[in-house]
């Protein structure tokens, strides 16, 4: 019984961690600009068909003085995989991205509402941080 309780506690701690990302070679202002651009122009064209979505609505509220971006996003897709019936999905996201005062610039990504499946939050955070990385990389080229 003790092992089960211990395992559940470890699982909760690991599953509830807040994704974060650091950009050691960029200034805070440049990172902030890339973060706002990534929030305003989401890209869901993935190689994996299960990660492709159509953005139906994307509302972004950014506050530079607090380093906070709030995003409310509606996504939809129609997924047809081999030997399966068509799957029609809709997803609603409401998340907050906080650019911390740290040096180097570090951002956290958190769902405003409780997320049932933490892996989905991690996927969305990784998608966002990868977009910011791409924007920062292209600005340096």
N, C-alpha and C. Protein backbone atom coordinates (compact mmCIF):
# COMPACT_ATOMS: atom_id res chain seq x y z
N UNK A 1 0.82 -1.19 0.00
CA UNK A 1 0.00 0.00 0.00
C UNK A 1 0.87 1.26 0.00
N UNK A 2 1.95 1.24 0.79
CA UNK A 2 2.83 2.39 0.85
C UNK A 2 3.47 2.67 -0.51
N UNK A 3 3.78 1.59 -1.24
CA UNK A 3 4.38 1.76 -2.57
C UNK A 3 3.41 2.44 -3.52
N UNK A 4 2.14 2.09 -3.43
CA UNK A 4 1.12 2.68 -4.30
C UNK A 4 0.99 4.17 -4.00
N UNK A 5 0.95 4.53 -2.73
CA UNK A 5 0.84 5.93 -2.34
C UNK A 5 2.08 6.71 -2.80
N UNK A 6 3.25 6.14 -2.61
CA UNK A 6 4.48 6.78 -3.03
C UNK A 6 4.50 6.97 -4.55
N UNK A 7 4.11 5.94 -5.28
CA UNK A 7 4.06 6.03 -6.75
C UNK A 7 3.08 7.11 -7.19
N UNK A 8 1.92 7.18 -6.55
CA UNK A 8 0.92 8.20 -6.89
C UNK A 8 1.46 9.60 -6.62
N UNK A 9 2.17 9.77 -5.52
CA UNK A 9 2.75 11.09 -5.20
C UNK A 9 3.80 11.50 -6.23
N UNK A 10 4.67 10.57 -6.61
CA UNK A 10 5.70 10.85 -7.61
C UNK A 10 5.05 11.17 -8.95
N UNK A 11 4.02 10.42 -9.32
CA UNK A 11 3.33 10.65 -10.58
C UNK A 11 2.68 12.03 -10.61
N UNK A 12 2.08 12.44 -9.51
CA UNK A 12 1.46 13.77 -9.44
C UNK A 12 2.50 14.87 -9.56
N UNK A 13 3.62 14.70 -8.90
CA UNK A 13 4.67 15.73 -8.96
C UNK A 13 5.26 15.84 -10.36
N UNK A 14 5.49 14.71 -11.01
CA UNK A 14 6.06 14.72 -12.35
C UNK A 14 5.02 15.24 -13.34
N UNK A 15 3.79 14.80 -13.23
CA UNK A 15 2.73 15.18 -14.16
C UNK A 15 2.30 16.62 -14.02
N UNK A 16 2.54 17.25 -12.90
CA UNK A 16 2.07 18.61 -12.66
C UNK A 16 3.16 19.66 -12.80
N UNK A 17 4.32 19.27 -13.26
CA UNK A 17 5.38 20.26 -13.40
C UNK A 17 5.05 21.23 -14.53
N UNK A 18 5.50 22.46 -14.39
CA UNK A 18 5.24 23.49 -15.38
C UNK A 18 6.36 23.51 -16.41
N UNK A 19 6.02 23.35 -17.70
CA UNK A 19 7.06 23.39 -18.73
C UNK A 19 7.71 24.78 -18.77
N UNK A 20 9.02 24.79 -18.98
CA UNK A 20 9.72 26.07 -19.12
C UNK A 20 10.84 25.92 -20.13
N UNK A 21 11.28 27.07 -20.63
CA UNK A 21 12.32 27.08 -21.66
C UNK A 21 13.19 28.32 -21.45
N UNK A 22 14.49 28.18 -21.71
CA UNK A 22 15.44 29.27 -21.54
C UNK A 22 16.13 29.56 -22.87
N UNK A 23 16.38 30.85 -23.12
CA UNK A 23 17.09 31.28 -24.33
C UNK A 23 18.35 32.02 -23.89
N UNK A 24 19.47 31.30 -23.74
CA UNK A 24 20.69 31.91 -23.19
C UNK A 24 21.39 32.92 -24.10
N UNK A 25 21.14 32.86 -25.40
CA UNK A 25 21.88 33.73 -26.33
C UNK A 25 21.05 34.90 -26.85
N UNK A 26 19.95 35.24 -26.16
CA UNK A 26 19.08 36.31 -26.62
C UNK A 26 18.73 37.24 -25.47
N UNK A 27 18.39 38.47 -25.82
CA UNK A 27 17.96 39.43 -24.81
C UNK A 27 16.47 39.22 -24.51
N UNK A 28 16.05 39.74 -23.39
CA UNK A 28 14.65 39.61 -22.96
C UNK A 28 13.70 40.25 -23.97
N UNK A 29 14.05 41.43 -24.50
CA UNK A 29 13.18 42.12 -25.45
C UNK A 29 12.99 41.31 -26.74
N UNK A 30 14.06 40.73 -27.23
CA UNK A 30 13.98 39.94 -28.46
C UNK A 30 13.13 38.68 -28.22
N UNK A 31 13.34 38.03 -27.08
CA UNK A 31 12.56 36.84 -26.75
C UNK A 31 11.08 37.21 -26.61
N UNK A 32 10.79 38.33 -25.95
CA UNK A 32 9.40 38.76 -25.79
C UNK A 32 8.72 38.96 -27.15
N UNK A 33 9.40 39.62 -28.07
CA UNK A 33 8.85 39.87 -29.40
C UNK A 33 8.56 38.55 -30.12
N UNK A 34 9.47 37.59 -30.02
CA UNK A 34 9.27 36.28 -30.65
C UNK A 34 8.13 35.53 -29.99
N UNK A 35 7.98 35.65 -28.67
CA UNK A 35 6.89 34.97 -27.96
C UNK A 35 5.53 35.51 -28.40
N UNK A 36 5.41 36.82 -28.51
CA UNK A 36 4.14 37.43 -28.94
C UNK A 36 3.83 37.01 -30.38
N UNK A 37 4.84 37.00 -31.24
CA UNK A 37 4.64 36.58 -32.62
C UNK A 37 4.20 35.11 -32.69
N UNK A 38 4.81 34.26 -31.90
CA UNK A 38 4.44 32.83 -31.89
C UNK A 38 3.02 32.63 -31.38
N UNK A 39 2.61 33.41 -30.39
CA UNK A 39 1.25 33.30 -29.86
C UNK A 39 0.22 33.77 -30.88
N UNK A 40 0.55 34.81 -31.64
CA UNK A 40 -0.39 35.37 -32.60
C UNK A 40 -0.48 34.59 -33.91
N UNK A 41 0.51 33.79 -34.22
CA UNK A 41 0.52 33.04 -35.48
C UNK A 41 0.84 31.57 -35.22
N UNK A 42 -0.07 30.83 -34.59
CA UNK A 42 0.20 29.42 -34.28
C UNK A 42 0.31 28.58 -35.55
N UNK A 43 1.19 27.59 -35.49
CA UNK A 43 1.42 26.70 -36.64
C UNK A 43 1.15 25.26 -36.20
N UNK A 44 0.12 24.67 -36.78
CA UNK A 44 -0.22 23.29 -36.45
C UNK A 44 -0.05 22.37 -37.65
N UNK A 45 0.79 22.74 -38.60
CA UNK A 45 1.10 21.87 -39.74
C UNK A 45 2.25 20.95 -39.34
N UNK A 46 1.91 19.79 -38.83
CA UNK A 46 2.91 18.85 -38.35
C UNK A 46 3.05 17.69 -39.33
N UNK A 47 4.19 17.05 -39.30
CA UNK A 47 4.40 15.86 -40.12
C UNK A 47 3.47 14.75 -39.64
N UNK A 48 3.33 14.62 -38.35
CA UNK A 48 2.44 13.61 -37.75
C UNK A 48 0.98 14.08 -37.92
N UNK A 49 0.16 13.33 -38.67
CA UNK A 49 -1.22 13.77 -38.90
C UNK A 49 -2.04 13.90 -37.62
N UNK A 50 -1.65 13.23 -36.57
CA UNK A 50 -2.39 13.32 -35.30
C UNK A 50 -2.14 14.65 -34.60
N UNK A 51 -1.13 15.40 -35.05
CA UNK A 51 -0.82 16.69 -34.43
C UNK A 51 -1.18 17.87 -35.32
N UNK A 52 -1.88 17.59 -36.45
CA UNK A 52 -2.32 18.66 -37.35
C UNK A 52 -3.69 19.16 -36.91
N UNK A 53 -3.82 20.46 -36.80
CA UNK A 53 -5.07 21.08 -36.39
C UNK A 53 -5.33 22.31 -37.25
N UNK A 54 -6.59 22.72 -37.29
CA UNK A 54 -6.98 23.98 -37.94
C UNK A 54 -7.34 24.94 -36.82
N UNK A 55 -6.77 26.13 -36.84
CA UNK A 55 -7.05 27.14 -35.82
C UNK A 55 -8.36 27.83 -36.20
N UNK A 56 -9.38 27.66 -35.36
CA UNK A 56 -10.69 28.27 -35.60
C UNK A 56 -10.75 29.67 -34.99
N UNK A 57 -10.10 29.84 -33.85
CA UNK A 57 -10.08 31.12 -33.16
C UNK A 57 -8.80 31.21 -32.34
N UNK A 58 -8.21 32.40 -32.32
CA UNK A 58 -6.96 32.60 -31.58
C UNK A 58 -6.98 33.99 -30.96
N UNK A 59 -7.29 34.07 -29.69
CA UNK A 59 -7.35 35.35 -28.99
C UNK A 59 -6.13 35.48 -28.09
N UNK A 60 -5.35 36.53 -28.30
CA UNK A 60 -4.10 36.72 -27.57
C UNK A 60 -4.15 38.04 -26.82
N UNK A 61 -3.83 37.99 -25.53
CA UNK A 61 -3.75 39.18 -24.71
C UNK A 61 -2.34 39.22 -24.12
N UNK A 62 -1.52 40.17 -24.60
CA UNK A 62 -0.14 40.24 -24.09
C UNK A 62 0.06 41.51 -23.28
N UNK A 63 0.78 41.36 -22.18
CA UNK A 63 1.08 42.47 -21.27
C UNK A 63 2.59 42.52 -21.08
N UNK A 64 3.24 43.40 -21.83
CA UNK A 64 4.70 43.49 -21.80
C UNK A 64 5.22 43.91 -20.44
N UNK A 65 4.47 44.74 -19.73
CA UNK A 65 4.96 45.22 -18.43
C UNK A 65 5.05 44.09 -17.41
N UNK A 66 4.18 43.10 -17.52
CA UNK A 66 4.21 41.95 -16.61
C UNK A 66 4.86 40.73 -17.24
N UNK A 67 5.16 40.81 -18.54
CA UNK A 67 5.77 39.67 -19.23
C UNK A 67 4.84 38.48 -19.33
N UNK A 68 3.54 38.77 -19.51
CA UNK A 68 2.54 37.71 -19.50
C UNK A 68 1.75 37.71 -20.80
N UNK A 69 1.55 36.52 -21.36
CA UNK A 69 0.72 36.33 -22.55
C UNK A 69 -0.37 35.33 -22.20
N UNK A 70 -1.62 35.69 -22.42
CA UNK A 70 -2.74 34.77 -22.24
C UNK A 70 -3.31 34.46 -23.61
N UNK A 71 -3.52 33.18 -23.87
CA UNK A 71 -4.01 32.73 -25.17
C UNK A 71 -5.25 31.87 -24.96
N UNK A 72 -6.30 32.22 -25.69
CA UNK A 72 -7.51 31.38 -25.75
C UNK A 72 -7.64 30.95 -27.21
N UNK A 73 -7.60 29.64 -27.42
CA UNK A 73 -7.52 29.11 -28.78
C UNK A 73 -8.51 27.96 -28.97
N UNK A 74 -9.19 27.98 -30.12
CA UNK A 74 -10.08 26.89 -30.50
C UNK A 74 -9.49 26.20 -31.72
N UNK A 75 -9.38 24.88 -31.63
CA UNK A 75 -8.81 24.08 -32.71
C UNK A 75 -9.81 23.02 -33.15
N UNK A 76 -9.70 22.61 -34.42
CA UNK A 76 -10.55 21.54 -34.94
C UNK A 76 -9.75 20.72 -35.93
N UNK A 77 -10.18 19.48 -36.11
CA UNK A 77 -9.55 18.63 -37.12
C UNK A 77 -10.48 17.48 -37.48
N UNK A 78 -10.22 16.95 -38.65
CA UNK A 78 -10.87 15.73 -39.10
C UNK A 78 -9.74 14.78 -39.44
N UNK A 79 -9.64 13.70 -38.71
CA UNK A 79 -8.50 12.78 -38.82
C UNK A 79 -8.97 11.44 -39.38
N UNK A 80 -8.35 11.04 -40.48
CA UNK A 80 -8.67 9.75 -41.08
C UNK A 80 -7.37 8.97 -41.24
N UNK A 81 -7.20 7.98 -40.38
CA UNK A 81 -6.02 7.13 -40.42
C UNK A 81 -6.38 5.81 -41.10
N UNK A 82 -5.39 5.11 -41.65
CA UNK A 82 -5.67 3.84 -42.32
C UNK A 82 -6.38 2.85 -41.40
N UNK A 83 -7.39 2.19 -41.96
CA UNK A 83 -8.16 1.15 -41.28
C UNK A 83 -8.92 1.67 -40.05
N UNK A 84 -9.22 2.97 -40.01
CA UNK A 84 -9.97 3.54 -38.90
C UNK A 84 -11.09 4.42 -39.44
N UNK A 85 -12.11 4.61 -38.64
CA UNK A 85 -13.16 5.54 -38.99
C UNK A 85 -12.66 6.97 -38.82
N UNK A 86 -13.30 7.88 -39.54
CA UNK A 86 -12.93 9.29 -39.43
C UNK A 86 -13.19 9.77 -38.00
N UNK A 87 -12.26 10.52 -37.49
CA UNK A 87 -12.36 11.07 -36.14
C UNK A 87 -12.40 12.59 -36.24
N UNK A 88 -13.48 13.19 -35.74
CA UNK A 88 -13.64 14.64 -35.75
C UNK A 88 -13.43 15.13 -34.32
N UNK A 89 -12.46 16.04 -34.17
CA UNK A 89 -12.09 16.52 -32.83
C UNK A 89 -12.15 18.04 -32.77
N UNK A 90 -12.45 18.52 -31.59
CA UNK A 90 -12.33 19.94 -31.28
C UNK A 90 -11.60 20.05 -29.96
N UNK A 91 -10.80 21.10 -29.84
CA UNK A 91 -10.05 21.29 -28.61
C UNK A 91 -10.04 22.78 -28.27
N UNK A 92 -10.23 23.06 -27.01
CA UNK A 92 -10.19 24.44 -26.50
C UNK A 92 -8.98 24.57 -25.59
N UNK A 93 -8.18 25.59 -25.83
CA UNK A 93 -7.02 25.86 -24.99
C UNK A 93 -7.17 27.24 -24.36
N UNK A 94 -6.78 27.32 -23.11
CA UNK A 94 -6.64 28.61 -22.45
C UNK A 94 -5.38 28.50 -21.61
N UNK A 95 -4.31 29.11 -22.09
CA UNK A 95 -3.05 28.99 -21.38
C UNK A 95 -2.37 30.33 -21.20
N UNK A 96 -1.40 30.33 -20.30
CA UNK A 96 -0.67 31.54 -19.95
C UNK A 96 0.82 31.26 -20.09
N UNK A 97 1.52 32.19 -20.73
CA UNK A 97 2.96 32.08 -20.88
C UNK A 97 3.57 33.27 -20.15
N UNK A 98 4.48 32.99 -19.25
CA UNK A 98 5.09 34.04 -18.42
C UNK A 98 6.57 34.13 -18.72
N UNK A 99 7.02 35.31 -19.15
CA UNK A 99 8.45 35.55 -19.32
C UNK A 99 8.99 36.06 -18.00
N UNK A 100 9.79 35.24 -17.36
CA UNK A 100 10.32 35.57 -16.04
C UNK A 100 11.39 36.65 -16.14
N UNK A 101 11.72 37.23 -15.01
CA UNK A 101 12.73 38.29 -14.96
C UNK A 101 14.16 37.72 -14.96
N UNK A 102 14.28 36.42 -15.11
CA UNK A 102 15.59 35.76 -15.06
C UNK A 102 16.51 36.23 -16.18
N UNK A 103 17.80 36.06 -15.94
CA UNK A 103 18.79 36.28 -16.96
C UNK A 103 19.65 35.03 -17.01
N UNK A 104 19.65 34.25 -18.06
CA UNK A 104 19.06 34.48 -19.37
C UNK A 104 17.53 34.38 -19.33
N UNK A 105 16.86 34.94 -20.39
CA UNK A 105 15.40 34.93 -20.42
C UNK A 105 14.83 33.51 -20.35
N UNK A 106 13.86 33.34 -19.46
CA UNK A 106 13.20 32.05 -19.24
C UNK A 106 11.71 32.27 -19.23
N UNK A 107 10.98 31.36 -19.87
CA UNK A 107 9.53 31.45 -19.91
C UNK A 107 8.92 30.18 -19.36
N UNK A 108 7.76 30.33 -18.72
CA UNK A 108 6.97 29.18 -18.26
C UNK A 108 5.68 29.13 -19.05
N UNK A 109 5.12 27.95 -19.17
CA UNK A 109 3.92 27.72 -19.96
C UNK A 109 2.96 26.93 -19.08
N UNK A 110 1.77 27.47 -18.85
CA UNK A 110 0.84 26.81 -17.93
C UNK A 110 -0.58 26.93 -18.43
N UNK A 111 -1.36 25.90 -18.20
CA UNK A 111 -2.78 25.93 -18.55
C UNK A 111 -3.52 26.71 -17.48
N UNK A 112 -4.44 27.58 -17.92
CA UNK A 112 -5.23 28.35 -16.96
C UNK A 112 -6.24 27.45 -16.27
N UNK A 113 -6.76 26.47 -17.02
CA UNK A 113 -7.68 25.48 -16.45
C UNK A 113 -6.92 24.19 -16.20
N UNK A 114 -7.44 23.37 -15.31
CA UNK A 114 -6.82 22.08 -15.03
C UNK A 114 -6.82 21.23 -16.29
N UNK A 115 -5.67 20.69 -16.64
CA UNK A 115 -5.55 19.85 -17.81
C UNK A 115 -5.68 18.39 -17.38
N UNK A 116 -6.61 17.70 -18.03
CA UNK A 116 -6.83 16.29 -17.71
C UNK A 116 -5.63 15.45 -18.13
N UNK A 117 -5.07 15.75 -19.30
CA UNK A 117 -3.96 14.97 -19.84
C UNK A 117 -2.72 15.86 -19.90
N UNK A 118 -1.81 15.74 -18.93
CA UNK A 118 -0.62 16.60 -18.91
C UNK A 118 0.23 16.50 -20.18
N UNK A 119 0.20 15.35 -20.86
CA UNK A 119 0.99 15.21 -22.08
C UNK A 119 0.53 16.19 -23.15
N UNK A 120 -0.75 16.50 -23.20
CA UNK A 120 -1.25 17.48 -24.18
C UNK A 120 -0.68 18.86 -23.88
N UNK A 121 -0.62 19.21 -22.61
CA UNK A 121 -0.03 20.50 -22.24
C UNK A 121 1.44 20.53 -22.63
N UNK A 122 2.15 19.45 -22.39
CA UNK A 122 3.57 19.39 -22.76
C UNK A 122 3.75 19.50 -24.27
N UNK A 123 2.87 18.84 -25.05
CA UNK A 123 2.93 18.95 -26.51
C UNK A 123 2.71 20.39 -26.95
N UNK A 124 1.73 21.06 -26.35
CA UNK A 124 1.43 22.44 -26.73
C UNK A 124 2.57 23.37 -26.32
N UNK A 125 3.13 23.15 -25.15
CA UNK A 125 4.27 23.96 -24.70
C UNK A 125 5.47 23.75 -25.63
N UNK A 126 5.76 22.51 -25.98
CA UNK A 126 6.88 22.23 -26.89
C UNK A 126 6.65 22.86 -28.26
N UNK A 127 5.41 22.79 -28.75
CA UNK A 127 5.08 23.41 -30.03
C UNK A 127 5.35 24.92 -29.97
N UNK A 128 4.89 25.56 -28.89
CA UNK A 128 5.10 27.00 -28.73
C UNK A 128 6.58 27.35 -28.63
N UNK A 129 7.30 26.66 -27.75
CA UNK A 129 8.72 26.95 -27.56
C UNK A 129 9.53 26.69 -28.84
N UNK A 130 9.17 25.65 -29.60
CA UNK A 130 9.86 25.38 -30.86
C UNK A 130 9.62 26.50 -31.87
N UNK A 131 8.40 27.04 -31.88
CA UNK A 131 8.10 28.16 -32.77
C UNK A 131 8.93 29.38 -32.39
N UNK A 132 9.02 29.66 -31.09
CA UNK A 132 9.85 30.78 -30.63
C UNK A 132 11.31 30.54 -31.02
N UNK A 133 11.80 29.32 -30.82
CA UNK A 133 13.19 28.99 -31.23
C UNK A 133 13.40 29.26 -32.71
N UNK A 134 12.45 28.84 -33.54
CA UNK A 134 12.57 29.04 -34.99
C UNK A 134 12.60 30.53 -35.33
N UNK A 135 11.75 31.31 -34.68
CA UNK A 135 11.73 32.76 -34.94
C UNK A 135 13.05 33.41 -34.52
N UNK A 136 13.56 33.00 -33.38
CA UNK A 136 14.82 33.57 -32.91
C UNK A 136 15.99 33.15 -33.81
N UNK A 137 15.96 31.93 -34.27
CA UNK A 137 17.01 31.44 -35.17
C UNK A 137 16.97 32.19 -36.49
N UNK A 138 15.77 32.39 -37.04
CA UNK A 138 15.68 33.10 -38.32
C UNK A 138 16.07 34.57 -38.19
N UNK A 139 15.89 35.15 -37.01
CA UNK A 139 16.29 36.56 -36.83
C UNK A 139 17.81 36.70 -36.73
N UNK A 140 18.50 35.62 -36.37
CA UNK A 140 19.95 35.66 -36.27
C UNK A 140 20.64 35.35 -37.58
N UNK A 141 19.90 34.72 -38.50
CA UNK A 141 20.50 34.35 -39.81
C UNK A 141 20.63 35.53 -40.74
